PDB file of N, CA and C in Angstrom:
ATOM      1  N   THR A   1      13.670   7.066   0.355  1.00  0.00           N
ATOM      2  CA  THR A   1      12.753   6.767  -0.575  1.00  0.00           C
ATOM      3  C   THR A   1      13.609   6.272  -1.882  1.00  0.00           C
ATOM      4  N   GLN A   2      15.195   6.324  -1.794  1.00  0.00           N
ATOM      5  CA  GLN A   2      15.596   5.798  -2.874  1.00  0.00           C
ATOM      6  C   GLN A   2      15.530   4.255  -3.398  1.00  0.00           C
ATOM      7  N   LYS A   3      14.993   3.386  -1.956  1.00  0.00           N
ATOM      8  CA  LYS A   3      15.064   2.102  -2.530  1.00  0.00           C
ATOM      9  C   LYS A   3      13.834   1.421  -2.593  1.00  0.00           C
ATOM     10  N   MET A   4      12.935   2.477  -2.923  1.00  0.00           N
ATOM     11  CA  MET A   4      11.480   2.597  -3.301  1.00  0.00           C
ATOM     12  C   MET A   4      10.985   2.591  -4.807  1.00  0.00           C
ATOM     13  N   GLU A   5       9.771   1.713  -5.005  1.00  0.00           N
ATOM     14  CA  GLU A   5       9.668   1.768  -6.665  1.00  0.00           C
ATOM     15  C   GLU A   5       9.071   3.175  -7.215  1.00  0.00           C
ATOM     16  N   LYS A   6       9.841   3.673  -8.083  1.00  0.00           N
ATOM     17  CA  LYS A   6       9.138   4.420  -8.393  1.00  0.00           C
ATOM     18  C   LYS A   6       7.527   4.907  -8.312  1.00  0.00           C
ATOM     19  N   GLY A   7       7.007   5.726  -8.439  1.00  0.00           N
ATOM     20  CA  GLY A   7       5.578   5.612  -8.545  1.00  0.00           C
ATOM     21  C   GLY A   7       4.860   5.451  -7.588  1.00  0.00           C
ATOM     22  N   MET A   8       5.421   4.822  -6.376  1.00  0.00           N
ATOM     23  CA  MET A   8       4.653   3.906  -5.417  1.00  0.00           C
ATOM     24  C   MET A   8       4.180   5.063  -4.645  1.00  0.00           C
ATOM     25  N   PRO A   9       2.630   4.679  -4.063  1.00  0.00           N
ATOM     26  CA  PRO A   9       2.103   5.570  -3.162  1.00  0.00           C
ATOM     27  C   PRO A   9       2.918   5.460  -1.666  1.00  0.00           C
ATOM     28  N   ILE A  10       3.187   6.496  -1.249  1.00  0.00           N
ATOM     29  CA  ILE A  10       3.878   6.485   0.318  1.00  0.00           C
ATOM     30  C   ILE A  10       2.768   7.456   1.089  1.00  0.00           C
ATOM     31  N   PRO A  11       1.995   6.941   2.021  1.00  0.00           N
ATOM     32  CA  PRO A  11       0.871   7.344   2.895  1.00  0.00           C
ATOM     33  C   PRO A  11       2.110   8.103   3.958  1.00  0.00           C
ATOM     34  N   VAL A  12       2.260   9.178   4.715  1.00  0.00           N
ATOM     35  CA  VAL A  12       2.853   9.712   5.574  1.00  0.00           C
ATOM     36  C   VAL A  12       2.274   9.999   6.563  1.00  0.00           C
ATOM     37  N   THR A  13       2.565  10.588   7.950  1.00  0.00           N
ATOM     38  CA  THR A  13       2.162  10.655   9.112  1.00  0.00           C
ATOM     39  C   THR A  13       2.936  12.213   9.730  1.00  0.00           C
ATOM     40  N   ILE A  14       2.532  12.993   9.911  1.00  0.00           N
ATOM     41  CA  ILE A  14       3.157  14.024   9.997  1.00  0.00           C
ATOM     42  C   ILE A  14       2.805  14.843  11.722  1.00  0.00           C
ATOM     43  N   THR A  15       3.540  15.058  12.584  1.00  0.00           N
ATOM     44  CA  THR A  15       2.568  15.363  13.772  1.00  0.00           C
ATOM     45  C   THR A  15       3.641  16.513  14.343  1.00  0.00           C
ATOM     46  N   ILE A  16       2.880  17.730  14.251  1.00  0.00           N
ATOM     47  CA  ILE A  16       3.589  18.998  14.586  1.00  0.00           C
ATOM     48  C   ILE A  16       3.063  19.049  16.302  1.00  0.00           C
ATOM     49  N   TYR A  17       4.139  19.576  17.278  1.00  0.00           N
ATOM     50  CA  TYR A  17       4.030  19.678  18.430  1.00  0.00           C
ATOM     51  C   TYR A  17       4.002  21.151  18.646  1.00  0.00           C
ATOM     52  N   GLN A  18       3.598  21.865  19.909  1.00  0.00           N
ATOM     53  CA  GLN A  18       3.340  23.119  20.143  1.00  0.00           C
ATOM     54  C   GLN A  18       4.879  23.988  20.186  1.00  0.00           C
ATOM     55  N   ASP A  19       5.772  23.213  20.249  1.00  0.00           N
ATOM     56  CA  ASP A  19       7.231  24.161  20.671  1.00  0.00           C
ATOM     57  C   ASP A  19       7.651  24.197  18.966  1.00  0.00           C
ATOM     58  N   LYS A  20       6.885  23.877  17.810  1.00  0.00           N
ATOM     59  CA  LYS A  20       7.020  23.730  16.662  1.00  0.00           C
ATOM     60  C   LYS A  20       7.872  22.877  15.764  1.00  0.00           C
ATOM     61  N   SER A  21       8.249  21.772  16.542  1.00  0.00           N
ATOM     62  CA  SER A  21       9.147  20.367  16.383  1.00  0.00           C
ATOM     63  C   SER A  21       7.853  19.630  15.700  1.00  0.00           C
ATOM     64  N   PHE A  22       8.596  18.449  15.104  1.00  0.00           N
ATOM     65  CA  PHE A  22       7.480  17.295  14.307  1.00  0.00           C
ATOM     66  C   PHE A  22       8.195  16.349  13.958  1.00  0.00           C
ATOM     67  N   THR A  23       7.390  15.649  13.981  1.00  0.00           N
ATOM     68  CA  THR A  23       7.845  14.154  13.695  1.00  0.00           C
ATOM     69  C   THR A  23       6.917  13.792  11.936  1.00  0.00           C
ATOM     70  N   PHE A  24       7.992  12.667  11.055  1.00  0.00           N
ATOM     71  CA  PHE A  24       7.751  12.933   9.844  1.00  0.00           C
ATOM     72  C   PHE A  24       7.736  10.853   9.818  1.00  0.00           C
ATOM     73  N   GLU A  25       6.788  10.467   9.706  1.00  0.00           N
ATOM     74  CA  GLU A  25       6.681   8.956   9.644  1.00  0.00           C
ATOM     75  C   GLU A  25       6.098   8.447   8.677  1.00  0.00           C
ATOM     76  N   MET A  26       6.690   7.699   7.706  1.00  0.00           N
ATOM     77  CA  MET A  26       6.661   7.078   6.189  1.00  0.00           C
ATOM     78  C   MET A  26       6.027   5.641   6.459  1.00  0.00           C
ATOM     79  N   ARG A  27       4.903   5.344   5.540  1.00  0.00           N
ATOM     80  CA  ARG A  27       4.475   4.851   6.210  1.00  0.00           C
ATOM     81  C   ARG A  27       4.420   3.297   4.972  1.00  0.00           C
ATOM     82  N   THR A  28       3.890   2.141   5.095  1.00  0.00           N
ATOM     83  CA  THR A  28       3.896   1.308   3.745  1.00  0.00           C
ATOM     84  C   THR A  28       2.719   1.564   2.963  1.00  0.00           C
ATOM     85  N   PRO A  29       3.010   1.148   1.426  1.00  0.00           N
ATOM     86  CA  PRO A  29       1.730   1.307   0.479  1.00  0.00           C
ATOM     87  C   PRO A  29       0.088   0.639   1.027  1.00  0.00           C
ATOM     88  N   PRO A  30      -0.425   1.272   0.256  1.00  0.00           N
ATOM     89  CA  PRO A  30      -2.076   0.525   0.583  1.00  0.00           C
ATOM     90  C   PRO A  30      -1.963  -0.546  -0.116  1.00  0.00           C
ATOM     91  N   VAL A  31      -2.708  -1.335   0.724  1.00  0.00           N
ATOM     92  CA  VAL A  31      -2.905  -2.836   0.441  1.00  0.00           C
ATOM     93  C   VAL A  31      -3.498  -2.957  -0.614  1.00  0.00           C
ATOM     94  N   SER A  32      -4.098  -1.858  -1.343  1.00  0.00           N
ATOM     95  CA  SER A  32      -5.093  -1.698  -2.862  1.00  0.00           C
ATOM     96  C   SER A  32      -3.460  -1.723  -3.974  1.00  0.00           C
ATOM     97  N   TYR A  33      -2.689  -1.172  -3.671  1.00  0.00           N
ATOM     98  CA  TYR A  33      -1.432  -1.054  -4.169  1.00  0.00           C
ATOM     99  C   TYR A  33      -0.942  -2.294  -4.644  1.00  0.00           C
ATOM    100  N   PHE A  34      -0.595  -3.008  -3.639  1.00  0.00           N
ATOM    101  CA  PHE A  34      -0.231  -4.447  -3.391  1.00  0.00           C
ATOM    102  C   PHE A  34      -0.544  -5.211  -4.155  1.00  0.00           C
ATOM    103  N   LEU A  35      -2.259  -5.303  -3.815  1.00  0.00           N
ATOM    104  CA  LEU A  35      -2.873  -6.313  -4.832  1.00  0.00           C
ATOM    105  C   LEU A  35      -2.969  -5.991  -6.302  1.00  0.00           C
ATOM    106  N   LYS A  36      -3.400  -4.597  -6.735  1.00  0.00           N
ATOM    107  CA  LYS A  36      -3.239  -4.468  -8.149  1.00  0.00           C
ATOM    108  C   LYS A  36      -1.524  -4.609  -8.826  1.00  0.00           C
ATOM    109  N   LYS A  37      -0.762  -4.798  -7.813  1.00  0.00           N
ATOM    110  CA  LYS A  37       0.415  -5.156  -8.241  1.00  0.00           C
ATOM    111  C   LYS A  37       1.077  -6.457  -8.363  1.00  0.00           C
ATOM    112  N   ALA A  38       0.108  -7.229  -7.534  1.00  0.00           N
ATOM    113  CA  ALA A  38       0.344  -9.009  -7.892  1.00  0.00           C
ATOM    114  C   ALA A  38      -0.468  -9.205  -8.463  1.00  0.00           C
ATOM    115  N   ALA A  39      -1.749  -8.716  -9.132  1.00  0.00           N
ATOM    116  CA  ALA A  39      -2.483  -9.407  -9.901  1.00  0.00           C
ATOM    117  C   ALA A  39      -2.290  -9.044 -11.663  1.00  0.00           C
ATOM    118  N   LYS A  40      -1.179  -7.989 -11.644  1.00  0.00           N
ATOM    119  CA  LYS A  40      -0.771  -7.224 -12.891  1.00  0.00           C
ATOM    120  C   LYS A  40      -1.715  -6.238 -13.507  1.00  0.00           C
ATOM    121  N   LEU A  41      -2.545  -5.477 -12.474  1.00  0.00           N
ATOM    122  CA  LEU A  41      -3.563  -4.782 -13.232  1.00  0.00           C
ATOM    123  C   LEU A  41      -3.176  -3.328 -13.041  1.00  0.00           C
ATOM    124  N   GLN A  42      -3.721  -2.397 -13.811  1.00  0.00           N
ATOM    125  CA  GLN A  42      -3.715  -0.967 -14.280  1.00  0.00           C
ATOM    126  C   GLN A  42      -4.889  -0.408 -13.057  1.00  0.00           C
ATOM    127  N   SER A  43      -5.889  -1.031 -12.720  1.00  0.00           N
ATOM    128  CA  SER A  43      -6.974   0.031 -12.316  1.00  0.00           C
ATOM    129  C   SER A  43      -7.923  -1.541 -11.600  1.00  0.00           C
ATOM    130  N   GLY A  44      -8.498  -0.997 -10.788  1.00  0.00           N
ATOM    131  CA  GLY A  44      -9.665  -2.410 -10.323  1.00  0.00           C
ATOM    132  C   GLY A  44     -10.500  -2.405 -10.951  1.00  0.00           C
ATOM    133  N   SER A  45     -11.815  -2.910 -10.527  1.00  0.00           N
ATOM    134  CA  SER A  45     -13.255  -3.377 -11.281  1.00  0.00           C
ATOM    135  C   SER A  45     -13.775  -2.277 -11.522  1.00  0.00           C
ATOM    136  N   LYS A  46     -14.137  -2.234 -12.516  1.00  0.00           N
ATOM    137  CA  LYS A  46     -15.350  -0.863 -12.765  1.00  0.00           C
ATOM    138  C   LYS A  46     -16.870  -1.253 -11.750  1.00  0.00           C
ATOM    139  N   ALA A  47     -16.869  -2.432 -11.528  1.00  0.00           N
ATOM    140  CA  ALA A  47     -18.173  -2.629 -10.465  1.00  0.00           C
ATOM    141  C   ALA A  47     -17.830  -3.877  -9.779  1.00  0.00           C
ATOM    142  N   PRO A  48     -17.501  -3.022  -8.364  1.00  0.00           N
ATOM    143  CA  PRO A  48     -16.733  -3.844  -7.348  1.00  0.00           C
ATOM    144  C   PRO A  48     -18.035  -4.834  -6.785  1.00  0.00           C
ATOM    145  N   GLY A  49     -17.511  -5.971  -6.274  1.00  0.00           N
ATOM    146  CA  GLY A  49     -18.529  -6.918  -5.685  1.00  0.00           C
ATOM    147  C   GLY A  49     -19.268  -7.740  -7.278  1.00  0.00           C
ATOM    148  N   ARG A  50     -19.032  -7.185  -8.255  1.00  0.00           N
ATOM    149  CA  ARG A  50     -19.853  -7.907  -9.261  1.00  0.00           C
ATOM    150  C   ARG A  50     -18.804  -8.427 -10.475  1.00  0.00           C
ATOM    151  N   ASP A  51     -17.927  -7.509 -11.114  1.00  0.00           N
ATOM    152  CA  ASP A  51     -17.216  -7.969 -11.569  1.00  0.00           C
ATOM    153  C   ASP A  51     -15.578  -8.718 -11.083  1.00  0.00           C
ATOM    154  N   PHE A  52     -15.016  -9.462 -11.691  1.00  0.00           N
ATOM    155  CA  PHE A  52     -13.879  -9.844 -11.161  1.00  0.00           C
ATOM    156  C   PHE A  52     -12.623  -9.380 -12.310  1.00  0.00           C
ATOM    157  N   VAL A  53     -11.646  -8.666 -11.817  1.00  0.00           N
ATOM    158  CA  VAL A  53     -10.395  -8.717 -12.459  1.00  0.00           C
ATOM    159  C   VAL A  53      -9.432  -9.432 -12.794  1.00  0.00           C
ATOM    160  N   GLY A  54      -8.988  -9.645 -11.947  1.00  0.00           N
ATOM    161  CA  GLY A  54      -7.863 -10.788 -11.694  1.00  0.00           C
ATOM    162  C   GLY A  54      -8.043 -11.797 -10.881  1.00  0.00           C
ATOM    163  N   THR A  55      -7.054 -12.546 -10.076  1.00  0.00           N
ATOM    164  CA  THR A  55      -6.536 -13.415  -9.198  1.00  0.00           C
ATOM    165  C   THR A  55      -5.298 -12.975  -8.452  1.00  0.00           C
ATOM    166  N   VAL A  56      -5.139 -13.503  -7.115  1.00  0.00           N
ATOM    167  CA  VAL A  56      -3.863 -13.612  -6.385  1.00  0.00           C
ATOM    168  C   VAL A  56      -3.948 -14.564  -5.621  1.00  0.00           C
ATOM    169  N   LYS A  57      -2.657 -15.054  -5.528  1.00  0.00           N
ATOM    170  CA  LYS A  57      -2.101 -16.215  -4.790  1.00  0.00           C
ATOM    171  C   LYS A  57      -2.437 -16.007  -3.463  1.00  0.00           C
ATOM    172  N   LYS A  58      -2.724 -17.445  -2.838  1.00  0.00           N
ATOM    173  CA  LYS A  58      -2.620 -17.280  -1.142  1.00  0.00           C
ATOM    174  C   LYS A  58      -0.881 -16.940  -0.789  1.00  0.00           C
ATOM    175  N   ALA A  59      -0.198 -17.315  -1.224  1.00  0.00           N
ATOM    176  CA  ALA A  59       1.366 -17.051  -1.151  1.00  0.00           C
ATOM    177  C   ALA A  59       1.511 -15.344  -1.225  1.00  0.00           C
ATOM    178  N   GLN A  60       1.127 -14.917  -2.168  1.00  0.00           N
ATOM    179  CA  GLN A  60       0.957 -13.554  -2.383  1.00  0.00           C
ATOM    180  C   GLN A  60       0.231 -12.793  -1.436  1.00  0.00           C
ATOM    181  N   VAL A  61      -0.800 -12.729  -0.806  1.00  0.00           N
ATOM    182  CA  VAL A  61      -1.739 -12.639   0.134  1.00  0.00           C
ATOM    183  C   VAL A  61      -0.822 -12.549   1.255  1.00  0.00           C
ATOM    184  N   LYS A  62       0.207 -13.373   1.571  1.00  0.00           N
ATOM    185  CA  LYS A  62       0.834 -13.765   2.500  1.00  0.00           C
ATOM    186  C   LYS A  62       1.770 -12.685   2.486  1.00  0.00           C
ATOM    187  N   GLU A  63       2.617 -12.466   1.605  1.00  0.00           N
ATOM    188  CA  GLU A  63       3.651 -11.212   1.093  1.00  0.00           C
ATOM    189  C   GLU A  63       3.270 -10.243   1.744  1.00  0.00           C
ATOM    190  N   ILE A  64       2.077  -9.887   1.221  1.00  0.00           N
ATOM    191  CA  ILE A  64       1.492  -8.635   1.452  1.00  0.00           C
ATOM    192  C   ILE A  64       1.508  -8.419   3.376  1.00  0.00           C
ATOM    193  N   ALA A  65       0.603  -9.458   3.653  1.00  0.00           N
ATOM    194  CA  ALA A  65       0.541  -8.997   5.116  1.00  0.00           C
ATOM    195  C   ALA A  65       1.477  -8.753   5.860  1.00  0.00           C
ATOM    196  N   GLU A  66       2.701  -9.450   5.241  1.00  0.00           N
ATOM    197  CA  GLU A  66       4.047  -9.372   5.926  1.00  0.00           C
ATOM    198  C   GLU A  66       4.792  -8.032   5.935  1.00  0.00           C
ATOM    199  N   ALA A  67       4.514  -7.558   4.662  1.00  0.00           N
ATOM    200  CA  ALA A  67       4.655  -6.380   4.537  1.00  0.00           C
ATOM    201  C   ALA A  67       4.009  -5.401   5.124  1.00  0.00           C
ATOM    202  N   LYS A  68       2.769  -5.410   5.205  1.00  0.00           N
ATOM    203  CA  LYS A  68       1.658  -4.548   6.066  1.00  0.00           C
ATOM    204  C   LYS A  68       1.888  -4.555   7.695  1.00  0.00           C
ATOM    205  N   MET A  69       2.842  -5.535   7.923  1.00  0.00           N
ATOM    206  CA  MET A  69       2.654  -5.889   9.356  1.00  0.00           C
ATOM    207  C   MET A  69       3.858  -4.759  10.400  1.00  0.00           C
ATOM    208  N   LYS A  70       4.408  -4.111   9.770  1.00  0.00           N
ATOM    209  CA  LYS A  70       5.289  -3.120   9.852  1.00  0.00           C
ATOM    210  C   LYS A  70       4.585  -1.788  10.609  1.00  0.00           C
ATOM    211  N   ASP A  71       3.270  -1.284   9.761  1.00  0.00           N
ATOM    212  CA  ASP A  71       2.245  -0.322  10.049  1.00  0.00           C
ATOM    213  C   ASP A  71       1.379  -0.452  11.609  1.00  0.00           C
ATOM    214  N   LEU A  72       1.522  -1.790  11.559  1.00  0.00           N
ATOM    215  CA  LEU A  72       0.579  -1.984  12.920  1.00  0.00           C
ATOM    216  C   LEU A  72       0.900  -1.765  14.180  1.00  0.00           C
TER     217      LEU A  72
END
């Protein structure tokens, strides 16, 4: 996590097996985090679907999709 931005939400998957061993897998942040960062917003719309608070360019959406491909 040293290479990641401070305050970035990092979802994790922890799998525990019967022999008491486990795996710990870190995922990429949610798409909503990337979209708010690309649009330079602190929070989303208070009325989703009715009010628009920012815009994101097609190139930025492509970068977000490429970053999230690791989780698929």
